[in-house]
Amino acid sequence: MKICRNYSVWLILIGFFLLLNSKLYSQNQTKSRFIGIPIKIGNIEVAEFDFEDQLNWFDAKLACEGLGKGWRLPTKNELDLIYRNKDNIKSEFKNGFYWSITPTGGDIGSGHWLQDFKNGELFNYKYSVWHTECNVRAVRKIGK
């Protein structure tokens, strides 16, 4: 009876280890799929790829932070820097708007700056960021 219980405990522990390991592998695969080989522009690193789907601002913020190690949405100025250097970045950018972390003023969630990567126009988006979905590219600072 004691051997049977110990065997069950070992099976549970092995199963838990395999499950945890597969989740970590899956998270790393997801992270590397968007980060790729980061591109250095000024004092930031830019993820090589966009997120596959357009996201509302809150989901975009969480998705970038979920990449770990300082990844986040770019500021308005960083987004403009990325746009001005997009031809030097090997991966493609989608035509359309990209989210920034910079608020337009007022409360968080009431509006954030967008940039149209079709023509470079910065847009002071003052409407609900809950329902509007835009493209997302993560960045992080280089150094301290």
C-alpha atoms as a PDB file:
ATOM      1  CA  MET A   1       0.000   0.000   0.000  1.00  0.00           C
ATOM      2  CA  LYS A   2       2.832   2.407   0.888  1.00  0.00           C
ATOM      3  CA  ILE A   3       4.625   1.678  -2.406  1.00  0.00           C
ATOM      4  CA  CYS A   4       1.422   2.381  -4.319  1.00  0.00           C
ATOM      5  CA  ARG A   5       0.979   5.771  -2.623  1.00  0.00           C
ATOM      6  CA  ASN A   6       4.596   6.747  -3.252  1.00  0.00           C
ATOM      7  CA  TYR A   7       4.239   5.725  -6.883  1.00  0.00           C
ATOM      8  CA  SER A   8       1.141   7.929  -7.202  1.00  0.00           C
ATOM      9  CA  VAL A   9       2.950  10.871  -5.648  1.00  0.00           C
ATOM     10  CA  TRP A  10       5.838  10.424  -8.092  1.00  0.00           C
ATOM     11  CA  LEU A  11       3.448  10.270 -11.041  1.00  0.00           C
ATOM     12  CA  ILE A  12       1.748  13.469  -9.891  1.00  0.00           C
ATOM     13  CA  LEU A  13       5.099  15.227  -9.442  1.00  0.00           C
ATOM     14  CA  ILE A  14       6.345  14.082 -12.851  1.00  0.00           C
ATOM     15  CA  GLY A  15       3.071  15.183 -14.461  1.00  0.00           C
ATOM     16  CA  PHE A  16       3.292  18.579 -12.768  1.00  0.00           C
ATOM     17  CA  PHE A  17       6.914  19.002 -13.916  1.00  0.00           C
ATOM     18  CA  LEU A  18       6.014  18.132 -17.505  1.00  0.00           C
ATOM     19  CA  LEU A  19       3.059  20.517 -17.482  1.00  0.00           C
ATOM     20  CA  LEU A  20       5.133  23.356 -16.037  1.00  0.00           C
ATOM     21  CA  ASN A  21       7.936  22.713 -18.496  1.00  0.00           C
ATOM     22  CA  SER A  22       5.544  22.720 -21.462  1.00  0.00           C
ATOM     23  CA  LYS A  23       3.971  26.025 -20.327  1.00  0.00           C
ATOM     24  CA  LEU A  24       7.399  27.634 -19.954  1.00  0.00           C
ATOM     25  CA  TYR A  25       8.382  26.361 -23.404  1.00  0.00           C
ATOM     26  CA  SER A  26       5.136  27.715 -24.852  1.00  0.00           C
ATOM     27  CA  GLN A  27       5.681  31.133 -23.224  1.00  0.00           C
ATOM     28  CA  ASN A  28       9.253  31.287 -24.520  1.00  0.00           C
ATOM     29  CA  GLN A  29       8.072  30.343 -28.015  1.00  0.00           C
ATOM     30  CA  THR A  30       5.459  33.118 -27.890  1.00  0.00           C
ATOM     31  CA  LYS A  31       7.996  35.656 -26.651  1.00  0.00           C
ATOM     32  CA  SER A  32      10.579  34.778 -29.280  1.00  0.00           C
ATOM     33  CA  ARG A  33       7.910  34.851 -32.012  1.00  0.00           C
ATOM     34  CA  PHE A  34       7.313  38.584 -31.398  1.00  0.00           C
ATOM     35  CA  ILE A  35      10.684  39.743 -30.120  1.00  0.00           C
ATOM     36  CA  GLY A  36      12.719  37.874 -32.735  1.00  0.00           C
ATOM     37  CA  ILE A  37      16.085  39.589 -33.092  1.00  0.00           C
ATOM     38  CA  PRO A  38      15.581  43.069 -31.589  1.00  0.00           C
ATOM     39  CA  ILE A  39      16.605  46.057 -33.697  1.00  0.00           C
ATOM     40  CA  LYS A  40      18.599  48.828 -31.983  1.00  0.00           C
ATOM     41  CA  ILE A  41      17.527  52.395 -32.739  1.00  0.00           C
ATOM     42  CA  GLY A  42      18.936  55.136 -30.546  1.00  0.00           C
ATOM     43  CA  ASN A  43      18.570  54.043 -26.932  1.00  0.00           C
ATOM     44  CA  ILE A  44      15.821  51.469 -27.525  1.00  0.00           C
ATOM     45  CA  GLU A  45      15.489  47.955 -28.830  1.00  0.00           C
ATOM     46  CA  VAL A  46      12.508  47.332 -31.088  1.00  0.00           C
ATOM     47  CA  ALA A  47      10.934  43.887 -31.304  1.00  0.00           C
ATOM     48  CA  GLU A  48      11.458  42.415 -34.746  1.00  0.00           C
ATOM     49  CA  PHE A  49       7.768  41.599 -35.250  1.00  0.00           C
ATOM     50  CA  ASP A  50       4.324  43.030 -34.537  1.00  0.00           C
ATOM     51  CA  PHE A  51       1.832  41.109 -32.476  1.00  0.00           C
ATOM     52  CA  GLU A  52      -0.237  39.051 -34.908  1.00  0.00           C
ATOM     53  CA  ASP A  53      -3.578  40.641 -34.053  1.00  0.00           C
ATOM     54  CA  GLN A  54      -4.556  44.221 -33.503  1.00  0.00           C
ATOM     55  CA  LEU A  55      -5.290  44.868 -29.816  1.00  0.00           C
ATOM     56  CA  ASN A  56      -7.076  47.450 -27.737  1.00  0.00           C
ATOM     57  CA  TRP A  57      -4.716  49.673 -25.717  1.00  0.00           C
ATOM     58  CA  PHE A  58      -5.070  47.794 -22.426  1.00  0.00           C
ATOM     59  CA  ASP A  59      -4.443  44.388 -24.026  1.00  0.00           C
ATOM     60  CA  ALA A  60      -1.525  45.853 -26.002  1.00  0.00           C
ATOM     61  CA  LYS A  61       0.058  47.215 -22.815  1.00  0.00           C
ATOM     62  CA  LEU A  62      -0.318  43.864 -21.031  1.00  0.00           C
ATOM     63  CA  ALA A  63       0.932  41.891 -24.038  1.00  0.00           C
ATOM     64  CA  CYS A  64       4.111  43.975 -24.297  1.00  0.00           C
ATOM     65  CA  GLU A  65       4.778  43.798 -20.556  1.00  0.00           C
ATOM     66  CA  GLY A  66       4.140  40.055 -20.710  1.00  0.00           C
ATOM     67  CA  LEU A  67       7.198  39.671 -22.931  1.00  0.00           C
ATOM     68  CA  GLY A  68       9.276  40.338 -19.786  1.00  0.00           C
ATOM     69  CA  LYS A  69      12.615  42.078 -19.161  1.00  0.00           C
ATOM     70  CA  GLY A  70      11.479  45.681 -19.704  1.00  0.00           C
ATOM     71  CA  TRP A  71       9.379  45.206 -22.866  1.00  0.00           C
ATOM     72  CA  ARG A  72       6.562  47.763 -23.173  1.00  0.00           C
ATOM     73  CA  LEU A  73       4.614  49.919 -25.591  1.00  0.00           C
ATOM     74  CA  PRO A  74       6.728  52.692 -27.148  1.00  0.00           C
ATOM     75  CA  THR A  75       6.286  56.326 -26.184  1.00  0.00           C
ATOM     76  CA  LYS A  76       4.939  58.748 -28.779  1.00  0.00           C
ATOM     77  CA  ASN A  77       8.500  59.942 -29.551  1.00  0.00           C
ATOM     78  CA  GLU A  78       9.874  56.385 -29.749  1.00  0.00           C
ATOM     79  CA  LEU A  79       7.065  55.394 -32.094  1.00  0.00           C
ATOM     80  CA  ASP A  80       7.906  58.341 -34.350  1.00  0.00           C
ATOM     81  CA  LEU A  81      11.605  57.350 -34.251  1.00  0.00           C
ATOM     82  CA  ILE A  82      10.634  53.810 -35.285  1.00  0.00           C
ATOM     83  CA  TYR A  83       8.477  55.163 -38.132  1.00  0.00           C
ATOM     84  CA  ARG A  84      11.321  57.369 -39.416  1.00  0.00           C
ATOM     85  CA  ASN A  85      13.665  54.334 -39.380  1.00  0.00           C
ATOM     86  CA  LYS A  86      11.208  51.695 -40.591  1.00  0.00           C
ATOM     87  CA  ASP A  87      12.987  51.300 -43.944  1.00  0.00           C
ATOM     88  CA  ASN A  88      16.153  50.254 -42.043  1.00  0.00           C
ATOM     89  CA  ILE A  89      14.239  47.537 -40.173  1.00  0.00           C
ATOM     90  CA  LYS A  90      14.135  44.227 -42.026  1.00  0.00           C
ATOM     91  CA  SER A  91      10.703  43.172 -40.808  1.00  0.00           C
ATOM     92  CA  GLU A  92       7.635  44.788 -42.291  1.00  0.00           C
ATOM     93  CA  PHE A  93       5.270  47.154 -40.566  1.00  0.00           C
ATOM     94  CA  LYS A  94       1.560  47.030 -41.283  1.00  0.00           C
ATOM     95  CA  ASN A  95      -0.135  50.024 -42.838  1.00  0.00           C
ATOM     96  CA  GLY A  96      -2.342  51.526 -40.189  1.00  0.00           C
ATOM     97  CA  PHE A  97      -2.173  52.813 -36.649  1.00  0.00           C
ATOM     98  CA  TYR A  98       0.192  51.688 -33.872  1.00  0.00           C
ATOM     99  CA  TRP A  99      -0.403  52.289 -30.161  1.00  0.00           C
ATOM    100  CA  SER A 100       1.901  54.340 -27.951  1.00  0.00           C
ATOM    101  CA  ILE A 101       2.047  54.406 -24.147  1.00  0.00           C
ATOM    102  CA  THR A 102       1.818  58.226 -24.141  1.00  0.00           C
ATOM    103  CA  PRO A 103      -1.562  59.500 -22.917  1.00  0.00           C
ATOM    104  CA  THR A 104      -3.230  62.384 -24.765  1.00  0.00           C
ATOM    105  CA  GLY A 105      -3.936  64.023 -21.429  1.00  0.00           C
ATOM    106  CA  GLY A 106      -6.602  63.265 -18.894  1.00  0.00           C
ATOM    107  CA  ASP A 107      -7.196  59.900 -17.280  1.00  0.00           C
ATOM    108  CA  ILE A 108      -5.472  56.649 -18.153  1.00  0.00           C
ATOM    109  CA  GLY A 109      -7.633  54.895 -20.695  1.00  0.00           C
ATOM    110  CA  SER A 110      -9.224  58.087 -21.979  1.00  0.00           C
ATOM    111  CA  GLY A 111      -6.870  58.338 -24.930  1.00  0.00           C
ATOM    112  CA  HIS A 112      -3.348  57.696 -26.173  1.00  0.00           C
ATOM    113  CA  TRP A 113      -1.238  58.806 -29.088  1.00  0.00           C
ATOM    114  CA  LEU A 114      -1.288  56.713 -32.247  1.00  0.00           C
ATOM    115  CA  GLN A 115       0.917  56.806 -35.313  1.00  0.00           C
ATOM    116  CA  ASP A 116      -0.211  55.902 -38.800  1.00  0.00           C
ATOM    117  CA  PHE A 117       2.562  53.845 -40.396  1.00  0.00           C
ATOM    118  CA  LYS A 118       1.090  54.438 -43.840  1.00  0.00           C
ATOM    119  CA  ASN A 119       1.905  58.167 -43.852  1.00  0.00           C
ATOM    120  CA  GLY A 120       3.672  58.914 -40.517  1.00  0.00           C
ATOM    121  CA  GLU A 121       0.887  61.064 -39.113  1.00  0.00           C
ATOM    122  CA  LEU A 122       0.698  61.236 -35.315  1.00  0.00           C
ATOM    123  CA  PHE A 123      -2.863  61.147 -34.087  1.00  0.00           C
ATOM    124  CA  ASN A 124      -4.145  62.451 -30.752  1.00  0.00           C
ATOM    125  CA  TYR A 125      -6.711  59.714 -30.097  1.00  0.00           C
ATOM    126  CA  LYS A 126      -9.063  60.916 -27.366  1.00  0.00           C
ATOM    127  CA  TYR A 127     -11.697  58.213 -27.569  1.00  0.00           C
ATOM    128  CA  SER A 128     -12.232  54.919 -25.796  1.00  0.00           C
ATOM    129  CA  VAL A 129      -9.159  52.732 -25.930  1.00  0.00           C
ATOM    130  CA  TRP A 130     -11.240  49.769 -24.740  1.00  0.00           C
ATOM    131  CA  HIS A 131     -12.841  49.106 -28.101  1.00  0.00           C
ATOM    132  CA  THR A 132     -10.381  50.486 -30.644  1.00  0.00           C
ATOM    133  CA  GLU A 133      -7.830  47.950 -31.877  1.00  0.00           C
ATOM    134  CA  CYS A 134      -4.497  48.944 -33.421  1.00  0.00           C
ATOM    135  CA  ASN A 135      -1.179  47.365 -34.362  1.00  0.00           C
ATOM    136  CA  VAL A 136       1.382  46.725 -31.632  1.00  0.00           C
ATOM    137  CA  ARG A 137       5.197  46.632 -31.626  1.00  0.00           C
ATOM    138  CA  ALA A 138       7.083  46.292 -28.324  1.00  0.00           C
ATOM    139  CA  VAL A 139      10.214  48.196 -27.285  1.00  0.00           C
ATOM    140  CA  ARG A 140      12.599  48.342 -24.335  1.00  0.00           C
ATOM    141  CA  LYS A 141      15.354  50.702 -23.198  1.00  0.00           C
ATOM    142  CA  ILE A 142      18.968  49.770 -23.787  1.00  0.00           C
ATOM    143  CA  GLY A 143      21.161  50.029 -20.713  1.00  0.00           C
ATOM    144  CA  LYS A 144      20.058  51.873 -17.589  1.00  0.00           C
END
